[in-house]
């Protein structure tokens, strides 16, 4: 009963949009996506917590930096980094009668890519944190940050080859795990989705290096009344340039407490159904190449074999095509 309900969950492809207008966006058409790869990185600028600024001024400075970098044609977003984003960490320290801002860049795996310092700002001016001053400092320091990015990108290109079209081999996907599931759901779903994504021609890895896409799972369980729980499983897919490509959502109701222990064959069938939708999202973004994008369930030569079936004693999975509720 429970397994049947989950196998009939709705899989929805939901277009996503970022919190701020971003460069290098748009929908140029299928052929253009095959010919032009998206930017190799996007920079996340969280509000600094060690820049000798108030919380409000820190948030304002992060926005000012993002706007200045965007003006320099750097793909950037304000806030915490997504799974494949690089991160710009901003700090400041007293030096004589001035405050010197410092900018450190990390790649998506947390490896340092370099650090640069801006010119001193008078202590009194920095303390006032006037928005106009913050913008002037951001515009002034944007070129040195952009130069830092250029060096970091050159080092990245020297150490890895990223395929967005599948021409250089199967696309690599950074899987950041599953959160929020009761029982052993986080572990079981993660293991099963890895297995099934491998059968879809995707190379799944923990780190960001070489990955063109990222996948993350989130489970939400809420009381639905009448002794039932509402279970929603969302698999979000993003690209290296930070664009959210879509999400596969599975939603249904189960008797309360049913998933508090071992997920077993439930995880098997949930992952089986979700993996096809994840593959379609990547294929629609040009991530598998034009020929592969037309095949919904191909298994390229060299891909991993079928996912391991349920262990002895578990109920056999009852796959069913997704349908709207």
C-alpha atoms as a PDB file:
ATOM      1  CA  UNK A   1       0.000   0.000   0.000  1.00  0.00           C
ATOM      2  CA  UNK A   2       2.714   2.435   1.043  1.00  0.00           C
ATOM      3  CA  UNK A   3       5.019   1.397  -1.754  1.00  0.00           C
ATOM      4  CA  UNK A   4       2.249   1.703  -4.325  1.00  0.00           C
ATOM      5  CA  UNK A   5       1.436   5.209  -3.095  1.00  0.00           C
ATOM      6  CA  UNK A   6       5.047   6.299  -3.419  1.00  0.00           C
ATOM      7  CA  UNK A   7       5.491   4.762  -6.854  1.00  0.00           C
ATOM      8  CA  UNK A   8       2.497   6.757  -8.048  1.00  0.00           C
ATOM      9  CA  UNK A   9       3.999  10.004  -6.727  1.00  0.00           C
ATOM     10  CA  UNK A  10       3.952  13.016  -8.989  1.00  0.00           C
ATOM     11  CA  UNK A  11       7.195  13.899 -10.753  1.00  0.00           C
ATOM     12  CA  UNK A  12       7.137  17.567 -11.705  1.00  0.00           C
ATOM     13  CA  UNK A  13       9.803  19.464 -13.618  1.00  0.00           C
ATOM     14  CA  UNK A  14       9.812  22.915 -12.058  1.00  0.00           C
ATOM     15  CA  UNK A  15      11.716  25.774 -13.640  1.00  0.00           C
ATOM     16  CA  UNK A  16      13.723  27.708 -11.076  1.00  0.00           C
ATOM     17  CA  UNK A  17      14.996  31.242 -10.976  1.00  0.00           C
ATOM     18  CA  UNK A  18      17.720  32.932  -8.979  1.00  0.00           C
ATOM     19  CA  UNK A  19      17.222  35.633  -6.369  1.00  0.00           C
ATOM     20  CA  UNK A  20      18.931  38.283  -8.499  1.00  0.00           C
ATOM     21  CA  UNK A  21      19.160  38.882 -12.257  1.00  0.00           C
ATOM     22  CA  UNK A  22      22.227  37.008 -13.479  1.00  0.00           C
ATOM     23  CA  UNK A  23      24.407  37.411 -16.577  1.00  0.00           C
ATOM     24  CA  UNK A  24      24.866  34.630 -19.127  1.00  0.00           C
ATOM     25  CA  UNK A  25      21.200  33.631 -18.891  1.00  0.00           C
ATOM     26  CA  UNK A  26      18.441  33.097 -21.438  1.00  0.00           C
ATOM     27  CA  UNK A  27      17.181  30.291 -23.623  1.00  0.00           C
ATOM     28  CA  UNK A  28      19.037  30.509 -26.958  1.00  0.00           C
ATOM     29  CA  UNK A  29      17.547  27.288 -28.321  1.00  0.00           C
ATOM     30  CA  UNK A  30      18.638  23.701 -28.450  1.00  0.00           C
ATOM     31  CA  UNK A  31      21.355  23.998 -31.076  1.00  0.00           C
ATOM     32  CA  UNK A  32      22.935  26.980 -29.350  1.00  0.00           C
ATOM     33  CA  UNK A  33      23.079  25.055 -26.057  1.00  0.00           C
ATOM     34  CA  UNK A  34      24.963  22.280 -27.814  1.00  0.00           C
ATOM     35  CA  UNK A  35      27.523  24.696 -29.261  1.00  0.00           C
ATOM     36  CA  UNK A  36      28.138  27.046 -26.343  1.00  0.00           C
ATOM     37  CA  UNK A  37      28.961  25.802 -22.832  1.00  0.00           C
ATOM     38  CA  UNK A  38      27.776  27.907 -19.882  1.00  0.00           C
ATOM     39  CA  UNK A  39      30.328  29.716 -17.724  1.00  0.00           C
ATOM     40  CA  UNK A  40      32.618  27.369 -15.848  1.00  0.00           C
ATOM     41  CA  UNK A  41      31.836  28.901 -12.474  1.00  0.00           C
ATOM     42  CA  UNK A  42      29.606  31.271 -10.563  1.00  0.00           C
ATOM     43  CA  UNK A  43      30.744  33.322  -7.570  1.00  0.00           C
ATOM     44  CA  UNK A  44      28.714  33.396  -4.375  1.00  0.00           C
ATOM     45  CA  UNK A  45      29.202  36.451  -2.162  1.00  0.00           C
ATOM     46  CA  UNK A  46      27.794  35.836   1.335  1.00  0.00           C
ATOM     47  CA  UNK A  47      27.500  38.723   3.752  1.00  0.00           C
ATOM     48  CA  UNK A  48      30.897  38.943   5.501  1.00  0.00           C
ATOM     49  CA  UNK A  49      31.022  38.320   9.252  1.00  0.00           C
ATOM     50  CA  UNK A  50      34.624  39.413   9.844  1.00  0.00           C
ATOM     51  CA  UNK A  51      34.806  42.687   7.933  1.00  0.00           C
ATOM     52  CA  UNK A  52      34.423  45.098  10.881  1.00  0.00           C
ATOM     53  CA  UNK A  53      30.913  45.960   9.682  1.00  0.00           C
ATOM     54  CA  UNK A  54      27.456  45.743  11.211  1.00  0.00           C
ATOM     55  CA  UNK A  55      25.100  43.041   9.946  1.00  0.00           C
ATOM     56  CA  UNK A  56      23.236  45.579   7.829  1.00  0.00           C
ATOM     57  CA  UNK A  57      26.409  47.066   6.392  1.00  0.00           C
ATOM     58  CA  UNK A  58      27.803  43.576   5.694  1.00  0.00           C
ATOM     59  CA  UNK A  59      24.697  42.675   3.703  1.00  0.00           C
ATOM     60  CA  UNK A  60      24.876  45.988   1.825  1.00  0.00           C
ATOM     61  CA  UNK A  61      28.539  45.446   1.005  1.00  0.00           C
ATOM     62  CA  UNK A  62      27.872  41.934  -0.336  1.00  0.00           C
ATOM     63  CA  UNK A  63      25.227  43.384  -2.669  1.00  0.00           C
ATOM     64  CA  UNK A  64      27.568  46.201  -3.738  1.00  0.00           C
ATOM     65  CA  UNK A  65      30.346  43.718  -4.521  1.00  0.00           C
ATOM     66  CA  UNK A  66      27.973  41.513  -6.504  1.00  0.00           C
ATOM     67  CA  UNK A  67      26.764  44.474  -8.552  1.00  0.00           C
ATOM     68  CA  UNK A  68      30.328  45.621  -9.228  1.00  0.00           C
ATOM     69  CA  UNK A  69      31.423  42.137 -10.285  1.00  0.00           C
ATOM     70  CA  UNK A  70      28.321  41.727 -12.429  1.00  0.00           C
ATOM     71  CA  UNK A  71      29.299  44.954 -14.178  1.00  0.00           C
ATOM     72  CA  UNK A  72      32.670  43.344 -14.886  1.00  0.00           C
ATOM     73  CA  UNK A  73      30.841  40.392 -16.543  1.00  0.00           C
ATOM     74  CA  UNK A  74      31.535  38.013 -13.679  1.00  0.00           C
ATOM     75  CA  UNK A  75      28.675  35.550 -12.977  1.00  0.00           C
ATOM     76  CA  UNK A  76      27.788  36.236  -9.354  1.00  0.00           C
ATOM     77  CA  UNK A  77      25.047  35.787  -6.775  1.00  0.00           C
ATOM     78  CA  UNK A  78      24.558  37.195  -3.272  1.00  0.00           C
ATOM     79  CA  UNK A  79      24.235  34.656  -0.488  1.00  0.00           C
ATOM     80  CA  UNK A  80      25.496  31.194   0.460  1.00  0.00           C
ATOM     81  CA  UNK A  81      27.116  29.163  -2.334  1.00  0.00           C
ATOM     82  CA  UNK A  82      25.247  26.479  -4.268  1.00  0.00           C
ATOM     83  CA  UNK A  83      26.948  23.049  -4.590  1.00  0.00           C
ATOM     84  CA  UNK A  84      29.123  24.088  -7.565  1.00  0.00           C
ATOM     85  CA  UNK A  85      29.636  27.785  -6.742  1.00  0.00           C
ATOM     86  CA  UNK A  86      32.944  29.343  -5.880  1.00  0.00           C
ATOM     87  CA  UNK A  87      32.894  31.482  -2.727  1.00  0.00           C
ATOM     88  CA  UNK A  88      34.262  34.977  -2.165  1.00  0.00           C
ATOM     89  CA  UNK A  89      35.124  35.479   1.507  1.00  0.00           C
ATOM     90  CA  UNK A  90      35.498  39.121   2.569  1.00  0.00           C
ATOM     91  CA  UNK A  91      37.408  40.173   5.674  1.00  0.00           C
ATOM     92  CA  UNK A  92      38.939  43.430   6.903  1.00  0.00           C
ATOM     93  CA  UNK A  93      41.614  44.408   9.404  1.00  0.00           C
ATOM     94  CA  UNK A  94      42.918  47.576  10.976  1.00  0.00           C
ATOM     95  CA  UNK A  95      46.191  48.806   9.571  1.00  0.00           C
ATOM     96  CA  UNK A  96      47.510  52.120  10.857  1.00  0.00           C
ATOM     97  CA  UNK A  97      44.740  54.693  10.463  1.00  0.00           C
ATOM     98  CA  UNK A  98      42.867  52.707   7.885  1.00  0.00           C
ATOM     99  CA  UNK A  99      40.845  49.544   7.337  1.00  0.00           C
ATOM    100  CA  UNK A 100      42.095  47.195   4.643  1.00  0.00           C
ATOM    101  CA  UNK A 101      39.522  44.877   3.019  1.00  0.00           C
ATOM    102  CA  UNK A 102      40.730  41.460   1.898  1.00  0.00           C
ATOM    103  CA  UNK A 103      39.146  39.048  -0.581  1.00  0.00           C
ATOM    104  CA  UNK A 104      39.796  35.283  -0.587  1.00  0.00           C
ATOM    105  CA  UNK A 105      38.463  32.906  -3.235  1.00  0.00           C
ATOM    106  CA  UNK A 106      37.603  29.247  -2.666  1.00  0.00           C
ATOM    107  CA  UNK A 107      36.405  26.699  -5.183  1.00  0.00           C
ATOM    108  CA  UNK A 108      33.316  24.569  -4.630  1.00  0.00           C
ATOM    109  CA  UNK A 109      35.324  21.977  -2.703  1.00  0.00           C
ATOM    110  CA  UNK A 110      36.688  24.617  -0.323  1.00  0.00           C
ATOM    111  CA  UNK A 111      40.176  24.724  -1.814  1.00  0.00           C
ATOM    112  CA  UNK A 112      41.784  28.201  -1.700  1.00  0.00           C
ATOM    113  CA  UNK A 113      42.343  29.807  -5.098  1.00  0.00           C
ATOM    114  CA  UNK A 114      44.058  32.966  -3.923  1.00  0.00           C
ATOM    115  CA  UNK A 115      43.671  36.156  -1.944  1.00  0.00           C
ATOM    116  CA  UNK A 116      43.987  39.859  -2.737  1.00  0.00           C
ATOM    117  CA  UNK A 117      43.844  43.044  -0.684  1.00  0.00           C
ATOM    118  CA  UNK A 118      42.131  46.297  -1.449  1.00  0.00           C
ATOM    119  CA  UNK A 119      43.430  49.768  -0.706  1.00  0.00           C
ATOM    120  CA  UNK A 120      43.005  51.187   2.825  1.00  0.00           C
ATOM    121  CA  UNK A 121      39.836  53.057   3.739  1.00  0.00           C
ATOM    122  CA  UNK A 122      39.908  55.648   6.570  1.00  0.00           C
ATOM    123  CA  UNK A 123      38.666  54.105   9.815  1.00  0.00           C
ATOM    124  CA  UNK A 124      36.020  56.785  10.328  1.00  0.00           C
ATOM    125  CA  UNK A 125      34.607  56.283   6.831  1.00  0.00           C
ATOM    126  CA  UNK A 126      34.531  52.491   7.157  1.00  0.00           C
ATOM    127  CA  UNK A 127      32.859  52.745  10.556  1.00  0.00           C
ATOM    128  CA  UNK A 128      30.068  54.921   9.176  1.00  0.00           C
ATOM    129  CA  UNK A 129      29.461  52.318   6.458  1.00  0.00           C
ATOM    130  CA  UNK A 130      27.761  54.827   4.204  1.00  0.00           C
ATOM    131  CA  UNK A 131      26.120  52.910   1.308  1.00  0.00           C
ATOM    132  CA  UNK A 132      27.632  55.266  -1.250  1.00  0.00           C
ATOM    133  CA  UNK A 133      31.100  54.592   0.182  1.00  0.00           C
ATOM    134  CA  UNK A 134      30.495  50.828   0.145  1.00  0.00           C
ATOM    135  CA  UNK A 135      29.587  51.034  -3.523  1.00  0.00           C
ATOM    136  CA  UNK A 136      32.695  53.094  -4.328  1.00  0.00           C
ATOM    137  CA  UNK A 137      34.973  50.610  -2.538  1.00  0.00           C
ATOM    138  CA  UNK A 138      33.268  47.688  -4.291  1.00  0.00           C
ATOM    139  CA  UNK A 139      33.689  49.283  -7.725  1.00  0.00           C
ATOM    140  CA  UNK A 140      37.300  50.144  -6.902  1.00  0.00           C
ATOM    141  CA  UNK A 141      38.174  46.588  -5.795  1.00  0.00           C
ATOM    142  CA  UNK A 142      36.173  44.685  -8.432  1.00  0.00           C
ATOM    143  CA  UNK A 143      39.052  44.660 -10.974  1.00  0.00           C
ATOM    144  CA  UNK A 144      41.514  43.069  -8.537  1.00  0.00           C
ATOM    145  CA  UNK A 145      38.894  40.464  -7.597  1.00  0.00           C
ATOM    146  CA  UNK A 146      38.249  39.773 -11.291  1.00  0.00           C
ATOM    147  CA  UNK A 147      41.976  39.307 -11.825  1.00  0.00           C
ATOM    148  CA  UNK A 148      41.975  36.809  -8.958  1.00  0.00           C
ATOM    149  CA  UNK A 149      39.157  34.936 -10.659  1.00  0.00           C
ATOM    150  CA  UNK A 150      41.077  34.850 -13.925  1.00  0.00           C
ATOM    151  CA  UNK A 151      44.050  33.222 -12.219  1.00  0.00           C
ATOM    152  CA  UNK A 152      41.805  30.756 -10.415  1.00  0.00           C
ATOM    153  CA  UNK A 153      39.986  29.834 -13.614  1.00  0.00           C
ATOM    154  CA  UNK A 154      43.288  29.308 -15.437  1.00  0.00           C
ATOM    155  CA  UNK A 155      44.423  26.944 -12.681  1.00  0.00           C
ATOM    156  CA  UNK A 156      41.110  25.090 -12.814  1.00  0.00           C
ATOM    157  CA  UNK A 157      41.267  24.643 -16.572  1.00  0.00           C
ATOM    158  CA  UNK A 158      44.787  23.274 -16.271  1.00  0.00           C
ATOM    159  CA  UNK A 159      43.689  20.615 -13.778  1.00  0.00           C
ATOM    160  CA  UNK A 160      40.329  19.430 -15.097  1.00  0.00           C
ATOM    161  CA  UNK A 161      38.235  19.032 -18.218  1.00  0.00           C
ATOM    162  CA  UNK A 162      34.519  19.684 -17.882  1.00  0.00           C
ATOM    163  CA  UNK A 163      32.025  18.271 -20.385  1.00  0.00           C
ATOM    164  CA  UNK A 164      28.656  19.960 -20.765  1.00  0.00           C
ATOM    165  CA  UNK A 165      27.605  18.251 -23.972  1.00  0.00           C
ATOM    166  CA  UNK A 166      28.675  14.683 -23.362  1.00  0.00           C
ATOM    167  CA  UNK A 167      31.205  14.848 -26.239  1.00  0.00           C
ATOM    168  CA  UNK A 168      34.095  14.258 -23.836  1.00  0.00           C
ATOM    169  CA  UNK A 169      32.429  11.390 -21.956  1.00  0.00           C
ATOM    170  CA  UNK A 170      29.553  10.987 -19.511  1.00  0.00           C
ATOM    171  CA  UNK A 171      28.714  14.159 -17.584  1.00  0.00           C
ATOM    172  CA  UNK A 172      29.859  14.253 -13.984  1.00  0.00           C
ATOM    173  CA  UNK A 173      27.300  15.055 -11.298  1.00  0.00           C
ATOM    174  CA  UNK A 174      28.097  16.207  -7.793  1.00  0.00           C
ATOM    175  CA  UNK A 175      25.629  14.550  -5.431  1.00  0.00           C
ATOM    176  CA  UNK A 176      25.386  16.376  -2.106  1.00  0.00           C
ATOM    177  CA  UNK A 177      23.178  13.825  -0.376  1.00  0.00           C
ATOM    178  CA  UNK A 178      19.656  13.693   1.031  1.00  0.00           C
ATOM    179  CA  UNK A 179      18.377  15.638   4.032  1.00  0.00           C
ATOM    180  CA  UNK A 180      15.286  15.608   6.196  1.00  0.00           C
ATOM    181  CA  UNK A 181      14.177  11.980   5.909  1.00  0.00           C
ATOM    182  CA  UNK A 182      13.135  10.044   9.020  1.00  0.00           C
ATOM    183  CA  UNK A 183      14.597   6.633   9.813  1.00  0.00           C
ATOM    184  CA  UNK A 184      17.429   5.571   7.530  1.00  0.00           C
ATOM    185  CA  UNK A 185      15.870   7.439   4.590  1.00  0.00           C
ATOM    186  CA  UNK A 186      18.775   9.819   4.035  1.00  0.00           C
ATOM    187  CA  UNK A 187      21.250   6.947   3.701  1.00  0.00           C
ATOM    188  CA  UNK A 188      18.965   4.579   1.785  1.00  0.00           C
ATOM    189  CA  UNK A 189      17.772   7.166  -0.715  1.00  0.00           C
ATOM    190  CA  UNK A 190      21.336   8.399  -1.287  1.00  0.00           C
ATOM    191  CA  UNK A 191      22.631   4.895  -1.974  1.00  0.00           C
ATOM    192  CA  UNK A 192      19.785   4.040  -4.347  1.00  0.00           C
ATOM    193  CA  UNK A 193      19.840   7.297  -6.307  1.00  0.00           C
ATOM    194  CA  UNK A 194      23.572   6.839  -6.896  1.00  0.00           C
ATOM    195  CA  UNK A 195      22.908   3.375  -8.316  1.00  0.00           C
ATOM    196  CA  UNK A 196      20.127   4.469 -10.628  1.00  0.00           C
ATOM    197  CA  UNK A 197      21.824   7.652 -11.867  1.00  0.00           C
ATOM    198  CA  UNK A 198      24.773   5.483 -12.911  1.00  0.00           C
ATOM    199  CA  UNK A 199      22.423   3.461 -15.140  1.00  0.00           C
ATOM    200  CA  UNK A 200      21.325   6.712 -16.808  1.00  0.00           C
ATOM    201  CA  UNK A 201      24.799   7.463 -18.151  1.00  0.00           C
ATOM    202  CA  UNK A 202      25.865   9.854 -15.369  1.00  0.00           C
ATOM    203  CA  UNK A 203      29.054   9.725 -13.313  1.00  0.00           C
ATOM    204  CA  UNK A 204      28.148  10.493  -9.693  1.00  0.00           C
ATOM    205  CA  UNK A 205      30.764  11.938  -7.321  1.00  0.00           C
ATOM    206  CA  UNK A 206      31.012  13.621  -3.921  1.00  0.00           C
ATOM    207  CA  UNK A 207      33.332  16.498  -4.835  1.00  0.00           C
ATOM    208  CA  UNK A 208      32.800  19.383  -7.234  1.00  0.00           C
ATOM    209  CA  UNK A 209      35.969  19.067  -9.323  1.00  0.00           C
ATOM    210  CA  UNK A 210      35.078  18.151 -12.892  1.00  0.00           C
ATOM    211  CA  UNK A 211      31.340  18.154 -12.214  1.00  0.00           C
ATOM    212  CA  UNK A 212      29.078  19.927 -14.686  1.00  0.00           C
ATOM    213  CA  UNK A 213      25.909  19.431 -12.645  1.00  0.00           C
ATOM    214  CA  UNK A 214      24.808  18.973  -9.048  1.00  0.00           C
ATOM    215  CA  UNK A 215      21.909  17.056  -7.493  1.00  0.00           C
ATOM    216  CA  UNK A 216      20.541  17.367  -3.962  1.00  0.00           C
ATOM    217  CA  UNK A 217      17.645  15.580  -2.259  1.00  0.00           C
ATOM    218  CA  UNK A 218      15.315  16.995   0.380  1.00  0.00           C
ATOM    219  CA  UNK A 219      12.570  15.120   2.259  1.00  0.00           C
ATOM    220  CA  UNK A 220       9.792  16.939   4.099  1.00  0.00           C
ATOM    221  CA  UNK A 221       7.358  15.086   6.349  1.00  0.00           C
ATOM    222  CA  UNK A 222       4.277  16.840   7.751  1.00  0.00           C
ATOM    223  CA  UNK A 223       1.166  15.785   9.629  1.00  0.00           C
ATOM    224  CA  UNK A 224      -1.735  15.292   7.214  1.00  0.00           C
ATOM    225  CA  UNK A 225      -4.372  14.357   9.793  1.00  0.00           C
ATOM    226  CA  UNK A 226      -6.379  11.139  10.100  1.00  0.00           C
ATOM    227  CA  UNK A 227      -3.262   9.247  11.162  1.00  0.00           C
ATOM    228  CA  UNK A 228      -1.350  10.043   7.988  1.00  0.00           C
ATOM    229  CA  UNK A 229       1.779  11.985   7.051  1.00  0.00           C
ATOM    230  CA  UNK A 230       2.419  14.016   3.918  1.00  0.00           C
ATOM    231  CA  UNK A 231       5.787  13.029   2.422  1.00  0.00           C
ATOM    232  CA  UNK A 232       7.431  15.241  -0.186  1.00  0.00           C
ATOM    233  CA  UNK A 233      10.756  14.333  -1.801  1.00  0.00           C
ATOM    234  CA  UNK A 234      12.359  16.976  -4.007  1.00  0.00           C
ATOM    235  CA  UNK A 235      15.474  16.391  -6.115  1.00  0.00           C
ATOM    236  CA  UNK A 236      16.948  19.695  -7.299  1.00  0.00           C
ATOM    237  CA  UNK A 237      19.340  19.896 -10.248  1.00  0.00           C
ATOM    238  CA  UNK A 238      21.710  22.799 -10.832  1.00  0.00           C
ATOM    239  CA  UNK A 239      24.494  23.587 -13.274  1.00  0.00           C
ATOM    240  CA  UNK A 240      28.063  24.744 -12.733  1.00  0.00           C
ATOM    241  CA  UNK A 241      27.157  28.349 -13.576  1.00  0.00           C
ATOM    242  CA  UNK A 242      24.659  28.296 -10.679  1.00  0.00           C
ATOM    243  CA  UNK A 243      21.491  28.065 -12.741  1.00  0.00           C
ATOM    244  CA  UNK A 244      18.770  25.923 -11.167  1.00  0.00           C
ATOM    245  CA  UNK A 245      17.708  23.682 -14.031  1.00  0.00           C
ATOM    246  CA  UNK A 246      14.650  22.184 -12.368  1.00  0.00           C
ATOM    247  CA  UNK A 247      13.388  19.781  -9.748  1.00  0.00           C
ATOM    248  CA  UNK A 248      11.792  16.348  -9.624  1.00  0.00           C
ATOM    249  CA  UNK A 249       9.123  16.331  -6.917  1.00  0.00           C
ATOM    250  CA  UNK A 250       7.495  13.212  -5.434  1.00  0.00           C
ATOM    251  CA  UNK A 251       4.511  13.740  -3.155  1.00  0.00           C
ATOM    252  CA  UNK A 252       2.067  11.469  -1.371  1.00  0.00           C
ATOM    253  CA  UNK A 253       0.561  10.469   1.983  1.00  0.00           C
ATOM    254  CA  UNK A 254       1.453   7.433   4.086  1.00  0.00           C
ATOM    255  CA  UNK A 255       0.319   6.132   7.495  1.00  0.00           C
ATOM    256  CA  UNK A 256       2.053   8.125  10.227  1.00  0.00           C
ATOM    257  CA  UNK A 257       5.345   6.666  11.427  1.00  0.00           C
ATOM    258  CA  UNK A 258       5.685   4.173   8.588  1.00  0.00           C
ATOM    259  CA  UNK A 259       9.008   5.613   7.388  1.00  0.00           C
ATOM    260  CA  UNK A 260      10.574   6.047  10.830  1.00  0.00           C
ATOM    261  CA  UNK A 261      12.668   2.886  10.435  1.00  0.00           C
ATOM    262  CA  UNK A 262      14.151   1.140   7.412  1.00  0.00           C
ATOM    263  CA  UNK A 263      13.082   2.441   4.004  1.00  0.00           C
ATOM    264  CA  UNK A 264      14.190  -0.691   2.110  1.00  0.00           C
ATOM    265  CA  UNK A 265      12.300  -1.215  -1.149  1.00  0.00           C
ATOM    266  CA  UNK A 266      10.551   2.158  -0.738  1.00  0.00           C
ATOM    267  CA  UNK A 267      13.915   3.893  -1.289  1.00  0.00           C
ATOM    268  CA  UNK A 268      14.550   1.581  -4.237  1.00  0.00           C
ATOM    269  CA  UNK A 269      11.387   2.546  -6.100  1.00  0.00           C
ATOM    270  CA  UNK A 270      11.515   6.245  -5.161  1.00  0.00           C
ATOM    271  CA  UNK A 271      15.066   6.486  -6.555  1.00  0.00           C
ATOM    272  CA  UNK A 272      14.152   4.440  -9.623  1.00  0.00           C
ATOM    273  CA  UNK A 273      11.370   6.838 -10.537  1.00  0.00           C
ATOM    274  CA  UNK A 274      13.295  10.018  -9.641  1.00  0.00           C
ATOM    275  CA  UNK A 275      16.448   9.105 -11.557  1.00  0.00           C
ATOM    276  CA  UNK A 276      14.646   9.235 -14.887  1.00  0.00           C
ATOM    277  CA  UNK A 277      13.317  12.724 -14.183  1.00  0.00           C
ATOM    278  CA  UNK A 278      16.781  13.911 -13.070  1.00  0.00           C
ATOM    279  CA  UNK A 279      18.292  12.559 -16.259  1.00  0.00           C
ATOM    280  CA  UNK A 280      15.617  14.335 -18.331  1.00  0.00           C
ATOM    281  CA  UNK A 281      16.391  17.663 -16.647  1.00  0.00           C
ATOM    282  CA  UNK A 282      20.088  17.283 -17.473  1.00  0.00           C
ATOM    283  CA  UNK A 283      19.321  16.121 -21.010  1.00  0.00           C
ATOM    284  CA  UNK A 284      16.986  19.083 -21.605  1.00  0.00           C
ATOM    285  CA  UNK A 285      19.871  21.381 -20.615  1.00  0.00           C
ATOM    286  CA  UNK A 286      22.083  19.800 -23.280  1.00  0.00           C
ATOM    287  CA  UNK A 287      24.088  17.855 -20.713  1.00  0.00           C
ATOM    288  CA  UNK A 288      23.930  14.486 -22.505  1.00  0.00           C
ATOM    289  CA  UNK A 289      24.393  15.619 -26.086  1.00  0.00           C
ATOM    290  CA  UNK A 290      21.687  15.813 -28.735  1.00  0.00           C
ATOM    291  CA  UNK A 291      21.504  12.095 -29.546  1.00  0.00           C
ATOM    292  CA  UNK A 292      21.364  10.965 -25.919  1.00  0.00           C
ATOM    293  CA  UNK A 293      18.796  13.622 -25.081  1.00  0.00           C
ATOM    294  CA  UNK A 294      16.315  11.916 -27.401  1.00  0.00           C
ATOM    295  CA  UNK A 295      16.608   8.594 -25.545  1.00  0.00           C
ATOM    296  CA  UNK A 296      14.776   8.613 -22.228  1.00  0.00           C
ATOM    297  CA  UNK A 297      16.282   5.478 -20.694  1.00  0.00           C
ATOM    298  CA  UNK A 298      19.482   4.678 -22.517  1.00  0.00           C
ATOM    299  CA  UNK A 299      22.333   2.891 -20.781  1.00  0.00           C
ATOM    300  CA  UNK A 300      25.607   3.838 -22.492  1.00  0.00           C
ATOM    301  CA  UNK A 301      28.365   1.319 -22.865  1.00  0.00           C
ATOM    302  CA  UNK A 302      30.547   1.390 -19.774  1.00  0.00           C
ATOM    303  CA  UNK A 303      27.767   2.567 -17.484  1.00  0.00           C
ATOM    304  CA  UNK A 304      27.152   0.767 -14.236  1.00  0.00           C
ATOM    305  CA  UNK A 305      24.803  -2.204 -14.273  1.00  0.00           C
ATOM    306  CA  UNK A 306      21.291  -2.247 -12.858  1.00  0.00           C
ATOM    307  CA  UNK A 307      20.728  -1.043  -9.338  1.00  0.00           C
ATOM    308  CA  UNK A 308      20.927  -3.736  -6.672  1.00  0.00           C
ATOM    309  CA  UNK A 309      17.468  -5.233  -6.055  1.00  0.00           C
ATOM    310  CA  UNK A 310      15.872  -5.239  -2.606  1.00  0.00           C
ATOM    311  CA  UNK A 311      17.490  -7.468  -0.013  1.00  0.00           C
ATOM    312  CA  UNK A 312      15.958 -10.802   0.884  1.00  0.00           C
ATOM    313  CA  UNK A 313      12.889 -10.399   3.003  1.00  0.00           C
ATOM    314  CA  UNK A 314      11.904  -7.046   1.536  1.00  0.00           C
ATOM    315  CA  UNK A 315       8.850  -6.602  -0.631  1.00  0.00           C
ATOM    316  CA  UNK A 316       9.502  -6.614  -4.356  1.00  0.00           C
ATOM    317  CA  UNK A 317       9.321  -3.158  -5.932  1.00  0.00           C
ATOM    318  CA  UNK A 318       6.177  -2.327  -7.889  1.00  0.00           C
ATOM    319  CA  UNK A 319       7.311   0.293 -10.431  1.00  0.00           C
ATOM    320  CA  UNK A 320       4.593   2.302 -12.097  1.00  0.00           C
ATOM    321  CA  UNK A 321       4.847   5.221 -14.504  1.00  0.00           C
ATOM    322  CA  UNK A 322       4.458   8.588 -12.797  1.00  0.00           C
ATOM    323  CA  UNK A 323       1.055  10.192 -13.206  1.00  0.00           C
ATOM    324  CA  UNK A 324      -0.595  13.340 -11.983  1.00  0.00           C
ATOM    325  CA  UNK A 325      -2.646  12.936  -8.866  1.00  0.00           C
END
